[in-house]
Amino acid sequence: MAKQDLKDTKLQEHVDAIEKHKALLEKLHLDSNTHLDEINGSITKLTLTLEEYLKVIGIP
């Protein structure tokens, strides 16, 4: 996989994680029965995808 393709893939993974997290927060706002462990898992996913993307673009 070319470096640009890897960058694009990692960026898209992070954007997808952001969109999923946003949807969870909106669900929590409308329905407080959303489980906080689900929110925590989403935050973890955001962190991991951001770390992977930053490594690919050269930011340690």
C-alpha atoms as a PDB file:
ATOM      1  CA  MET A   1       0.000   0.000   0.000  1.00  0.00           C
ATOM      2  CA  ALA A   2       1.376   3.408  -0.971  1.00  0.00           C
ATOM      3  CA  LYS A   3       2.026   5.936   1.778  1.00  0.00           C
ATOM      4  CA  GLN A   4      -0.716   8.255   0.511  1.00  0.00           C
ATOM      5  CA  ASP A   5      -3.195   5.366   0.454  1.00  0.00           C
ATOM      6  CA  LEU A   6      -2.252   4.506   4.042  1.00  0.00           C
ATOM      7  CA  LYS A   7      -2.728   8.148   5.084  1.00  0.00           C
ATOM      8  CA  ASP A   8      -6.116   8.252   3.381  1.00  0.00           C
ATOM      9  CA  THR A   9      -7.182   4.977   4.999  1.00  0.00           C
ATOM     10  CA  LYS A  10      -6.127   6.051   8.499  1.00  0.00           C
ATOM     11  CA  LEU A  11      -7.795   9.436   8.072  1.00  0.00           C
ATOM     12  CA  GLN A  12     -11.039   7.794   6.945  1.00  0.00           C
ATOM     13  CA  GLU A  13     -10.946   5.372   9.898  1.00  0.00           C
ATOM     14  CA  HIS A  14     -10.617   8.332  12.274  1.00  0.00           C
ATOM     15  CA  VAL A  15     -13.384  10.310  10.555  1.00  0.00           C
ATOM     16  CA  ASP A  16     -15.656   7.262  10.793  1.00  0.00           C
ATOM     17  CA  ALA A  17     -14.876   6.961  14.504  1.00  0.00           C
ATOM     18  CA  ILE A  18     -15.700  10.652  14.982  1.00  0.00           C
ATOM     19  CA  GLU A  19     -19.040  10.259  13.211  1.00  0.00           C
ATOM     20  CA  LYS A  20     -19.951   7.193  15.280  1.00  0.00           C
ATOM     21  CA  HIS A  21     -18.992   8.989  18.497  1.00  0.00           C
ATOM     22  CA  LYS A  22     -21.062  12.020  17.512  1.00  0.00           C
ATOM     23  CA  ALA A  23     -24.061   9.769  16.911  1.00  0.00           C
ATOM     24  CA  LEU A  24     -23.593   8.170  20.335  1.00  0.00           C
ATOM     25  CA  LEU A  25     -23.414  11.572  22.020  1.00  0.00           C
ATOM     26  CA  GLU A  26     -26.571  12.687  20.248  1.00  0.00           C
ATOM     27  CA  LYS A  27     -28.275   9.468  21.362  1.00  0.00           C
ATOM     28  CA  LEU A  28     -27.100  10.103  24.943  1.00  0.00           C
ATOM     29  CA  HIS A  29     -28.426  13.657  24.763  1.00  0.00           C
ATOM     30  CA  LEU A  30     -31.847  12.444  23.632  1.00  0.00           C
ATOM     31  CA  ASP A  31     -31.989   9.256  25.673  1.00  0.00           C
ATOM     32  CA  SER A  32     -30.004   9.116  28.886  1.00  0.00           C
ATOM     33  CA  ASN A  33     -30.318   5.325  28.898  1.00  0.00           C
ATOM     34  CA  THR A  34     -27.297   5.053  26.599  1.00  0.00           C
ATOM     35  CA  HIS A  35     -24.685   3.024  28.434  1.00  0.00           C
ATOM     36  CA  LEU A  36     -21.633   4.998  29.470  1.00  0.00           C
ATOM     37  CA  ASP A  37     -19.389   2.025  28.722  1.00  0.00           C
ATOM     38  CA  GLU A  38     -20.498   2.372  25.102  1.00  0.00           C
ATOM     39  CA  ILE A  39     -19.419   6.024  25.177  1.00  0.00           C
ATOM     40  CA  ASN A  40     -16.122   5.065  26.806  1.00  0.00           C
ATOM     41  CA  GLY A  41     -15.454   2.478  24.101  1.00  0.00           C
ATOM     42  CA  SER A  42     -16.131   5.105  21.472  1.00  0.00           C
ATOM     43  CA  ILE A  43     -13.669   7.511  23.075  1.00  0.00           C
ATOM     44  CA  THR A  44     -11.069   4.746  23.146  1.00  0.00           C
ATOM     45  CA  LYS A  45     -11.659   4.115  19.422  1.00  0.00           C
ATOM     46  CA  LEU A  46     -11.252   7.837  18.706  1.00  0.00           C
ATOM     47  CA  THR A  47      -7.960   7.899  20.575  1.00  0.00           C
ATOM     48  CA  LEU A  48      -6.571   4.842  18.806  1.00  0.00           C
ATOM     49  CA  THR A  49      -7.548   5.983  15.326  1.00  0.00           C
ATOM     50  CA  LEU A  50      -6.091   9.446  15.959  1.00  0.00           C
ATOM     51  CA  GLU A  51      -2.817   7.966  17.242  1.00  0.00           C
ATOM     52  CA  GLU A  52      -2.554   5.716  14.176  1.00  0.00           C
ATOM     53  CA  TYR A  53      -3.235   8.608  11.805  1.00  0.00           C
ATOM     54  CA  LEU A  54      -0.703  10.882  13.492  1.00  0.00           C
ATOM     55  CA  LYS A  55       1.971   8.166  13.281  1.00  0.00           C
ATOM     56  CA  VAL A  56       1.324   7.711   9.570  1.00  0.00           C
ATOM     57  CA  ILE A  57       1.686  11.434   8.851  1.00  0.00           C
ATOM     58  CA  GLY A  58       4.853  11.611  10.929  1.00  0.00           C
ATOM     59  CA  ILE A  59       3.728  13.204  14.183  1.00  0.00           C
ATOM     60  CA  PRO A  60       4.941  11.114  17.125  1.00  0.00           C
END
